[in-house]
C-alpha atoms as a PDB file:
ATOM      1  CA  UNK A   1      50.422 309.180 124.628  1.00  0.00           C
ATOM      2  CA  UNK A   2      51.994 306.811 127.166  1.00  0.00           C
ATOM      3  CA  UNK A   3      49.198 307.078 129.726  1.00  0.00           C
ATOM      4  CA  UNK A   4      48.392 303.562 130.989  1.00  0.00           C
ATOM      5  CA  UNK A   5      50.754 301.933 128.477  1.00  0.00           C
ATOM      6  CA  UNK A   6      52.531 298.895 129.830  1.00  0.00           C
ATOM      7  CA  UNK A   7      56.232 298.879 129.025  1.00  0.00           C
ATOM      8  CA  UNK A   8      58.690 296.097 129.717  1.00  0.00           C
ATOM      9  CA  UNK A   9      62.125 297.697 129.902  1.00  0.00           C
ATOM     10  CA  UNK A  10      65.096 295.398 129.404  1.00  0.00           C
ATOM     11  CA  UNK A  11      68.430 296.668 130.664  1.00  0.00           C
ATOM     12  CA  UNK A  12      71.654 295.003 129.561  1.00  0.00           C
ATOM     13  CA  UNK A  13      75.225 295.314 130.798  1.00  0.00           C
ATOM     14  CA  UNK A  14      76.877 298.298 129.228  1.00  0.00           C
ATOM     15  CA  UNK A  15      77.991 301.639 130.601  1.00  0.00           C
ATOM     16  CA  UNK A  16      74.802 303.184 129.184  1.00  0.00           C
ATOM     17  CA  UNK A  17      72.767 301.191 131.738  1.00  0.00           C
ATOM     18  CA  UNK A  18      72.765 304.254 133.978  1.00  0.00           C
ATOM     19  CA  UNK A  19      70.602 306.013 131.355  1.00  0.00           C
ATOM     20  CA  UNK A  20      67.847 303.455 131.949  1.00  0.00           C
ATOM     21  CA  UNK A  21      67.150 305.179 135.266  1.00  0.00           C
ATOM     22  CA  UNK A  22      66.233 308.443 133.557  1.00  0.00           C
ATOM     23  CA  UNK A  23      64.290 306.599 130.844  1.00  0.00           C
ATOM     24  CA  UNK A  24      62.274 304.826 133.532  1.00  0.00           C
ATOM     25  CA  UNK A  25      61.570 308.091 135.317  1.00  0.00           C
ATOM     26  CA  UNK A  26      60.455 309.687 132.036  1.00  0.00           C
ATOM     27  CA  UNK A  27      58.132 306.781 131.198  1.00  0.00           C
ATOM     28  CA  UNK A  28      56.586 306.808 134.688  1.00  0.00           C
ATOM     29  CA  UNK A  29      56.055 310.588 134.568  1.00  0.00           C
ATOM     30  CA  UNK A  30      54.297 310.147 131.211  1.00  0.00           C
ATOM     31  CA  UNK A  31      51.853 307.752 132.859  1.00  0.00           C
ATOM     32  CA  UNK A  32      53.284 304.433 131.697  1.00  0.00           C
ATOM     33  CA  UNK A  33      53.499 301.332 133.850  1.00  0.00           C
ATOM     34  CA  UNK A  34      57.057 300.000 133.697  1.00  0.00           C
ATOM     35  CA  UNK A  35      58.299 296.542 134.566  1.00  0.00           C
ATOM     36  CA  UNK A  36      62.067 296.177 134.479  1.00  0.00           C
ATOM     37  CA  UNK A  37      64.149 293.161 133.504  1.00  0.00           C
ATOM     38  CA  UNK A  38      67.863 293.415 134.250  1.00  0.00           C
ATOM     39  CA  UNK A  39      70.528 291.042 132.991  1.00  0.00           C
ATOM     40  CA  UNK A  40      73.287 289.913 135.344  1.00  0.00           C
ATOM     41  CA  UNK A  41      75.718 292.203 133.545  1.00  0.00           C
ATOM     42  CA  UNK A  42      73.343 295.172 133.875  1.00  0.00           C
ATOM     43  CA  UNK A  43      73.448 294.758 137.652  1.00  0.00           C
ATOM     44  CA  UNK A  44      77.210 295.452 137.527  1.00  0.00           C
ATOM     45  CA  UNK A  45      76.426 298.980 136.287  1.00  0.00           C
ATOM     46  CA  UNK A  46      73.180 299.919 138.090  1.00  0.00           C
ATOM     47  CA  UNK A  47      71.359 298.294 140.979  1.00  0.00           C
ATOM     48  CA  UNK A  48      67.941 296.658 140.980  1.00  0.00           C
ATOM     49  CA  UNK A  49      67.056 298.825 143.999  1.00  0.00           C
ATOM     50  CA  UNK A  50      67.512 301.978 141.927  1.00  0.00           C
ATOM     51  CA  UNK A  51      65.300 300.607 139.179  1.00  0.00           C
ATOM     52  CA  UNK A  52      62.709 299.333 141.668  1.00  0.00           C
ATOM     53  CA  UNK A  53      62.486 302.765 143.265  1.00  0.00           C
ATOM     54  CA  UNK A  54      62.102 304.545 139.938  1.00  0.00           C
ATOM     55  CA  UNK A  55      59.729 302.032 138.335  1.00  0.00           C
ATOM     56  CA  UNK A  56      57.665 301.703 141.511  1.00  0.00           C
ATOM     57  CA  UNK A  57      57.576 297.945 141.054  1.00  0.00           C
ATOM     58  CA  UNK A  58      59.422 294.663 141.168  1.00  0.00           C
ATOM     59  CA  UNK A  59      62.605 294.326 139.133  1.00  0.00           C
ATOM     60  CA  UNK A  60      63.062 290.973 137.444  1.00  0.00           C
ATOM     61  CA  UNK A  61      66.608 289.629 137.417  1.00  0.00           C
ATOM     62  CA  UNK A  62      66.431 285.842 137.406  1.00  0.00           C
ATOM     63  CA  UNK A  63      64.445 283.491 135.205  1.00  0.00           C
ATOM     64  CA  UNK A  64      64.517 280.812 137.885  1.00  0.00           C
ATOM     65  CA  UNK A  65      63.781 282.921 140.965  1.00  0.00           C
ATOM     66  CA  UNK A  66      61.251 281.347 143.330  1.00  0.00           C
ATOM     67  CA  UNK A  67      57.933 283.141 143.351  1.00  0.00           C
ATOM     68  CA  UNK A  68      54.665 282.929 145.215  1.00  0.00           C
ATOM     69  CA  UNK A  69      52.785 283.035 141.911  1.00  0.00           C
ATOM     70  CA  UNK A  70      52.243 280.254 139.420  1.00  0.00           C
ATOM     71  CA  UNK A  71      52.955 282.411 136.362  1.00  0.00           C
ATOM     72  CA  UNK A  72      56.265 281.912 134.630  1.00  0.00           C
ATOM     73  CA  UNK A  73      57.935 285.342 134.662  1.00  0.00           C
ATOM     74  CA  UNK A  74      58.812 285.477 130.959  1.00  0.00           C
ATOM     75  CA  UNK A  75      55.244 284.599 129.929  1.00  0.00           C
ATOM     76  CA  UNK A  76      53.656 286.944 132.468  1.00  0.00           C
ATOM     77  CA  UNK A  77      55.913 289.820 131.367  1.00  0.00           C
ATOM     78  CA  UNK A  78      55.238 289.103 127.681  1.00  0.00           C
ATOM     79  CA  UNK A  79      51.490 289.109 128.349  1.00  0.00           C
ATOM     80  CA  UNK A  80      51.735 292.312 130.418  1.00  0.00           C
ATOM     81  CA  UNK A  81      53.576 294.338 127.781  1.00  0.00           C
ATOM     82  CA  UNK A  82      52.051 296.740 125.306  1.00  0.00           C
ATOM     83  CA  UNK A  83      55.630 297.259 124.137  1.00  0.00           C
ATOM     84  CA  UNK A  84      59.134 296.043 124.932  1.00  0.00           C
ATOM     85  CA  UNK A  85      62.116 298.390 125.027  1.00  0.00           C
ATOM     86  CA  UNK A  86      65.682 297.172 125.445  1.00  0.00           C
ATOM     87  CA  UNK A  87      67.847 300.119 126.384  1.00  0.00           C
ATOM     88  CA  UNK A  88      70.730 299.827 126.411  1.00  0.00           C
ATOM     89  CA  UNK A  89      71.101 296.821 124.132  1.00  0.00           C
ATOM     90  CA  UNK A  90      74.604 295.378 124.044  1.00  0.00           C
ATOM     91  CA  UNK A  91      76.067 293.549 121.079  1.00  0.00           C
ATOM     92  CA  UNK A  92      75.647 290.357 123.109  1.00  0.00           C
ATOM     93  CA  UNK A  93      71.875 290.651 123.525  1.00  0.00           C
ATOM     94  CA  UNK A  94      71.447 291.911 119.961  1.00  0.00           C
ATOM     95  CA  UNK A  95      73.267 288.803 118.718  1.00  0.00           C
ATOM     96  CA  UNK A  96      71.212 286.493 120.929  1.00  0.00           C
ATOM     97  CA  UNK A  97      67.886 287.910 119.823  1.00  0.00           C
ATOM     98  CA  UNK A  98      68.903 287.999 116.155  1.00  0.00           C
ATOM     99  CA  UNK A  99      69.876 284.324 116.435  1.00  0.00           C
ATOM    100  CA  UNK A 100      66.792 283.241 118.367  1.00  0.00           C
ATOM    101  CA  UNK A 101      68.781 282.420 121.498  1.00  0.00           C
ATOM    102  CA  UNK A 102      66.678 282.637 124.634  1.00  0.00           C
ATOM    103  CA  UNK A 103      68.867 281.774 127.616  1.00  0.00           C
ATOM    104  CA  UNK A 104      67.925 284.364 130.235  1.00  0.00           C
ATOM    105  CA  UNK A 105      64.815 286.178 131.423  1.00  0.00           C
ATOM    106  CA  UNK A 106      65.166 289.080 128.991  1.00  0.00           C
ATOM    107  CA  UNK A 107      65.681 287.002 125.852  1.00  0.00           C
ATOM    108  CA  UNK A 108      62.979 284.476 126.767  1.00  0.00           C
ATOM    109  CA  UNK A 109      60.545 287.337 127.335  1.00  0.00           C
ATOM    110  CA  UNK A 110      61.376 288.788 123.915  1.00  0.00           C
ATOM    111  CA  UNK A 111      60.819 285.383 122.295  1.00  0.00           C
ATOM    112  CA  UNK A 112      57.509 284.900 124.137  1.00  0.00           C
ATOM    113  CA  UNK A 113      55.907 288.141 122.941  1.00  0.00           C
ATOM    114  CA  UNK A 114      54.722 289.698 119.705  1.00  0.00           C
ATOM    115  CA  UNK A 115      54.332 293.317 120.807  1.00  0.00           C
ATOM    116  CA  UNK A 116      56.098 296.344 119.362  1.00  0.00           C
ATOM    117  CA  UNK A 117      59.753 295.997 120.316  1.00  0.00           C
ATOM    118  CA  UNK A 118      62.417 298.683 120.293  1.00  0.00           C
ATOM    119  CA  UNK A 119      66.028 297.625 120.666  1.00  0.00           C
ATOM    120  CA  UNK A 120      68.382 300.533 121.314  1.00  0.00           C
ATOM    121  CA  UNK A 121      71.983 299.567 120.527  1.00  0.00           C
ATOM    122  CA  UNK A 122      74.506 301.078 122.903  1.00  0.00           C
ATOM    123  CA  UNK A 123      78.191 300.327 122.580  1.00  0.00           C
ATOM    124  CA  UNK A 124      81.512 301.768 121.542  1.00  0.00           C
ATOM    125  CA  UNK A 125      81.519 302.964 117.922  1.00  0.00           C
ATOM    126  CA  UNK A 126      84.134 300.373 116.972  1.00  0.00           C
ATOM    127  CA  UNK A 127      81.981 297.587 118.370  1.00  0.00           C
ATOM    128  CA  UNK A 128      78.901 299.010 116.679  1.00  0.00           C
ATOM    129  CA  UNK A 129      80.736 299.134 113.349  1.00  0.00           C
ATOM    130  CA  UNK A 130      81.665 295.446 113.554  1.00  0.00           C
ATOM    131  CA  UNK A 131      80.147 293.652 110.561  1.00  0.00           C
ATOM    132  CA  UNK A 132      78.704 290.871 112.712  1.00  0.00           C
ATOM    133  CA  UNK A 133      76.933 293.389 114.957  1.00  0.00           C
ATOM    134  CA  UNK A 134      75.729 295.310 111.899  1.00  0.00           C
ATOM    135  CA  UNK A 135      74.418 292.117 110.281  1.00  0.00           C
ATOM    136  CA  UNK A 136      72.519 291.328 113.487  1.00  0.00           C
ATOM    137  CA  UNK A 137      71.081 294.861 113.610  1.00  0.00           C
ATOM    138  CA  UNK A 138      70.069 294.590 109.947  1.00  0.00           C
ATOM    139  CA  UNK A 139      68.325 291.300 110.705  1.00  0.00           C
ATOM    140  CA  UNK A 140      66.455 292.862 113.641  1.00  0.00           C
ATOM    141  CA  UNK A 141      65.468 295.879 111.522  1.00  0.00           C
ATOM    142  CA  UNK A 142      63.719 293.447 109.188  1.00  0.00           C
ATOM    143  CA  UNK A 143      61.592 292.453 112.173  1.00  0.00           C
ATOM    144  CA  UNK A 144      61.111 296.153 113.019  1.00  0.00           C
ATOM    145  CA  UNK A 145      63.012 295.610 116.281  1.00  0.00           C
ATOM    146  CA  UNK A 146      65.701 298.300 116.064  1.00  0.00           C
ATOM    147  CA  UNK A 147      65.246 302.055 116.080  1.00  0.00           C
ATOM    148  CA  UNK A 148      67.004 304.181 113.502  1.00  0.00           C
ATOM    149  CA  UNK A 149      69.194 305.933 116.060  1.00  0.00           C
ATOM    150  CA  UNK A 150      71.019 303.793 118.593  1.00  0.00           C
ATOM    151  CA  UNK A 151      72.625 305.378 121.626  1.00  0.00           C
ATOM    152  CA  UNK A 152      76.399 305.262 121.887  1.00  0.00           C
ATOM    153  CA  UNK A 153      78.228 306.298 125.032  1.00  0.00           C
ATOM    154  CA  UNK A 154      81.900 305.578 124.307  1.00  0.00           C
ATOM    155  CA  UNK A 155      83.882 308.133 122.315  1.00  0.00           C
ATOM    156  CA  UNK A 156      86.050 307.281 119.341  1.00  0.00           C
ATOM    157  CA  UNK A 157      85.596 305.427 116.113  1.00  0.00           C
ATOM    158  CA  UNK A 158      83.159 306.276 113.351  1.00  0.00           C
ATOM    159  CA  UNK A 159      81.000 309.358 113.522  1.00  0.00           C
ATOM    160  CA  UNK A 160      77.512 308.819 114.884  1.00  0.00           C
ATOM    161  CA  UNK A 161      76.219 310.297 111.630  1.00  0.00           C
ATOM    162  CA  UNK A 162      78.241 308.033 109.350  1.00  0.00           C
ATOM    163  CA  UNK A 163      76.450 305.429 107.285  1.00  0.00           C
ATOM    164  CA  UNK A 164      76.549 302.060 109.024  1.00  0.00           C
ATOM    165  CA  UNK A 165      77.531 298.808 107.393  1.00  0.00           C
ATOM    166  CA  UNK A 166      73.928 297.572 107.774  1.00  0.00           C
ATOM    167  CA  UNK A 167      72.613 300.697 106.027  1.00  0.00           C
ATOM    168  CA  UNK A 168      75.121 300.220 103.209  1.00  0.00           C
ATOM    169  CA  UNK A 169      74.038 296.588 102.823  1.00  0.00           C
ATOM    170  CA  UNK A 170      70.375 297.616 102.758  1.00  0.00           C
ATOM    171  CA  UNK A 171      70.953 300.069  99.879  1.00  0.00           C
END
């Protein structure tokens, strides 16, 4: 199913960033080609070297990094992708994408592409329950950007099975 699929994996700066390593390994084992974009905050939780080793390719961390190629990274990555996955997706990047803000390599790549996009929210339950975050998730669901089940790594707050504010608003 993933054989020869080209996945751009965006990793943002939350504690769940460590799970991107296993996701990358799983995608590679399934035959996908994975190109990784890491935000500056993501690099505080997991290193580009780890992701480079697992993805078997370059890890993109800077929109303005010098390159020996003419292609602009965000356009080249957008063109490469069969799909874009952002896992974990922090409230910050969810808010940026929902608002059309493209101020780093990950968000400019998302804005430059029209491929299937899966944004996997990952944050503390209290942060996830915030009405602003839920409104942003609801907005992204309208664009078919957010999966039904986000990943949460911090204990406490609302039950993972409880109905979210965005789901209540959609009813």
